[in-house]
Amino acid sequence: MTSLPRQCVRIATACVLAGIFAVPPTLLAQVHVVTPQDLQNQTLRAGAARQHNLNTLNSFLSSPEAQRAFNSAAIDGRQVKAAVSTLSDQELARLASRANQAQADFAAGRMNDHDLLIILIAIAALILIIVAVHHYSSSCFVGHRV
């Protein structure tokens, strides 16, 4: 004869195991924290925001004022425009915001041509520096094992 506590443990273990095996694994696999539709919508919004920021910055860098600034600073505008697409989403958003602010300030008369030229040169230099740093940091680790 087995003791009562030992028999209670056996019954409890059997109930737990029956409960575990009674739930199909496919039911558990269908529970998502983020639905695929939410994930797709978020991806679409991020892509649209990136495209909007690219358009904003490219428009700013294509303006006649930008061309004058590039010429006066001996900066290749094509190189700057090509580098824009390599920026991260955060860098692109930050620079597009600054470009919008500079254009708004210029249109409202809060800054003159000289101020706008300085801002354009600074943004172009920042873009080229960011791209150079990304290129340098990615080439430093090529062929090295961590």
Protein backbone atom coordinates (compact mmCIF):
# COMPACT_ATOMS: atom_id res chain seq x y z
CA MET A 1 0.00 0.00 0.00
CA THR A 2 1.20 3.47 -0.82
CA SER A 3 0.74 6.37 1.48
CA LEU A 4 -1.90 9.00 0.93
CA PRO A 5 0.54 11.93 0.29
CA ARG A 6 2.40 9.89 -2.32
CA GLN A 7 -0.87 9.04 -4.08
CA CYS A 8 -1.90 12.75 -4.03
CA VAL A 9 1.42 13.72 -5.66
CA ARG A 10 0.89 11.09 -8.37
CA ILE A 11 -2.62 12.36 -9.09
CA ALA A 12 -1.47 15.99 -9.17
CA THR A 13 1.40 15.12 -11.52
CA ALA A 14 -0.96 13.22 -13.81
CA CYS A 15 -3.36 16.19 -13.91
CA VAL A 16 -0.58 18.66 -14.73
CA LEU A 17 0.80 16.44 -17.50
CA ALA A 18 -2.67 15.89 -18.92
CA GLY A 19 -3.24 19.64 -18.95
CA ILE A 20 0.05 20.31 -20.72
CA PHE A 21 -0.56 17.73 -23.41
CA ALA A 22 -4.24 18.65 -23.83
CA VAL A 23 -3.43 22.15 -25.22
CA PRO A 24 -2.30 21.90 -28.85
CA PRO A 25 1.02 23.65 -29.55
CA THR A 26 -0.43 25.36 -32.63
CA LEU A 27 -2.88 27.20 -30.39
CA LEU A 28 -0.02 28.64 -28.34
CA ALA A 29 1.96 29.55 -31.47
CA GLN A 30 -0.88 31.71 -32.81
CA VAL A 31 -0.75 34.21 -29.95
CA HIS A 32 1.30 37.24 -31.08
CA VAL A 33 2.26 40.34 -29.17
CA VAL A 34 2.20 42.31 -32.44
CA THR A 35 -0.11 41.22 -35.20
CA PRO A 36 1.33 40.82 -38.70
CA GLN A 37 -1.01 43.60 -39.89
CA ASP A 38 0.32 45.99 -37.23
CA LEU A 39 3.87 45.11 -38.22
CA GLN A 40 3.11 45.72 -41.89
CA ASN A 41 1.41 49.05 -41.11
CA GLN A 42 4.36 50.17 -39.02
CA THR A 43 6.77 49.22 -41.82
CA LEU A 44 4.70 51.16 -44.35
CA ARG A 45 4.60 54.22 -42.09
CA ALA A 46 8.36 54.08 -41.54
CA GLY A 47 8.96 53.78 -45.29
CA ALA A 48 6.64 56.69 -46.02
CA ALA A 49 8.32 58.83 -43.36
CA ARG A 50 11.77 58.02 -44.76
CA GLN A 51 10.64 58.87 -48.30
CA HIS A 52 9.14 62.16 -47.09
CA ASN A 53 12.39 63.06 -45.28
CA LEU A 54 14.44 62.12 -48.37
CA ASN A 55 12.24 64.34 -50.54
CA THR A 56 12.46 67.21 -48.05
CA LEU A 57 16.24 67.08 -47.80
CA ASN A 58 16.77 66.58 -51.54
CA SER A 59 14.48 69.52 -52.28
CA PHE A 60 16.43 71.67 -49.82
CA LEU A 61 19.76 70.60 -51.31
CA SER A 62 18.50 71.23 -54.87
CA SER A 63 17.48 74.81 -54.21
CA PRO A 64 19.32 77.66 -55.94
CA GLU A 65 20.60 78.81 -52.55
CA ALA A 66 22.08 75.36 -51.94
CA GLN A 67 23.79 75.38 -55.32
CA ARG A 68 25.33 78.79 -54.53
CA ALA A 69 26.46 77.50 -51.13
CA PHE A 70 28.04 74.40 -52.64
CA ASN A 71 29.83 76.46 -55.28
CA SER A 72 31.14 78.97 -52.74
CA ALA A 73 32.43 76.19 -50.46
CA ALA A 74 33.78 74.06 -53.34
CA ILE A 75 31.52 71.14 -52.34
CA ASP A 76 30.26 68.71 -54.95
CA GLY A 77 26.47 68.92 -54.62
CA ARG A 78 25.98 65.62 -56.45
CA GLN A 79 28.14 63.87 -53.86
CA VAL A 80 26.10 65.36 -51.03
CA LYS A 81 22.80 64.36 -52.67
CA ALA A 82 24.07 60.84 -53.29
CA ALA A 83 25.16 60.56 -49.65
CA VAL A 84 21.70 61.51 -48.37
CA SER A 85 20.23 58.10 -49.22
CA THR A 86 22.85 56.34 -47.07
CA LEU A 87 21.81 58.15 -43.89
CA SER A 88 19.97 56.26 -41.18
CA ASP A 89 16.29 57.02 -40.58
CA GLN A 90 17.11 59.00 -37.42
CA GLU A 91 19.85 61.05 -39.08
CA LEU A 92 17.63 61.70 -42.07
CA ALA A 93 14.71 62.81 -39.89
CA ARG A 94 16.92 65.14 -37.85
CA LEU A 95 18.45 66.79 -40.94
CA ALA A 96 15.07 67.07 -42.72
CA SER A 97 13.69 68.80 -39.63
CA ARG A 98 16.60 71.25 -39.64
CA ALA A 99 16.13 71.88 -43.36
CA ASN A 100 12.41 72.58 -42.84
CA GLN A 101 13.20 74.96 -40.00
CA ALA A 102 15.84 76.80 -42.04
CA GLN A 103 13.47 77.15 -45.00
CA ALA A 104 10.68 78.42 -42.75
CA ASP A 105 12.99 80.92 -41.05
CA PHE A 106 14.30 82.14 -44.41
CA ALA A 107 10.78 82.49 -45.83
CA ALA A 108 9.65 84.39 -42.74
CA GLY A 109 12.60 86.77 -43.00
CA ARG A 110 14.19 85.64 -39.73
CA MET A 111 17.47 84.89 -41.53
CA ASN A 112 19.30 86.34 -44.47
CA ASP A 113 21.06 84.71 -47.44
CA HIS A 114 24.34 84.51 -45.57
CA ASP A 115 22.80 82.62 -42.64
CA LEU A 116 21.07 80.20 -45.00
CA LEU A 117 24.33 79.59 -46.87
CA ILE A 118 26.10 78.77 -43.60
CA ILE A 119 23.33 76.35 -42.62
CA LEU A 120 23.43 74.68 -46.05
CA ILE A 121 27.20 74.24 -45.88
CA ALA A 122 26.93 72.89 -42.34
CA ILE A 123 24.26 70.36 -43.34
CA ALA A 124 26.25 69.27 -46.40
CA ALA A 125 29.40 68.87 -44.31
CA LEU A 126 27.48 66.93 -41.67
CA ILE A 127 26.07 64.57 -44.30
CA LEU A 128 29.53 63.92 -45.73
CA ILE A 129 31.03 63.38 -42.26
CA ILE A 130 28.28 60.93 -41.24
CA VAL A 131 28.74 58.94 -44.44
CA ALA A 132 32.53 58.92 -44.03
CA VAL A 133 32.24 57.71 -40.43
CA HIS A 134 29.80 54.95 -41.44
CA HIS A 135 32.11 53.90 -44.26
CA TYR A 136 35.19 53.97 -42.04
CA SER A 137 33.56 52.06 -39.18
CA SER A 138 32.18 49.38 -41.50
CA SER A 139 35.51 48.94 -43.29
CA CYS A 140 37.42 48.62 -39.98
CA PHE A 141 35.64 45.42 -39.10
CA VAL A 142 35.72 43.72 -42.49
CA GLY A 143 37.77 40.55 -42.17
CA HIS A 144 38.19 40.80 -38.41
CA ARG A 145 36.68 38.22 -36.14
CA VAL A 146 35.17 39.24 -32.88
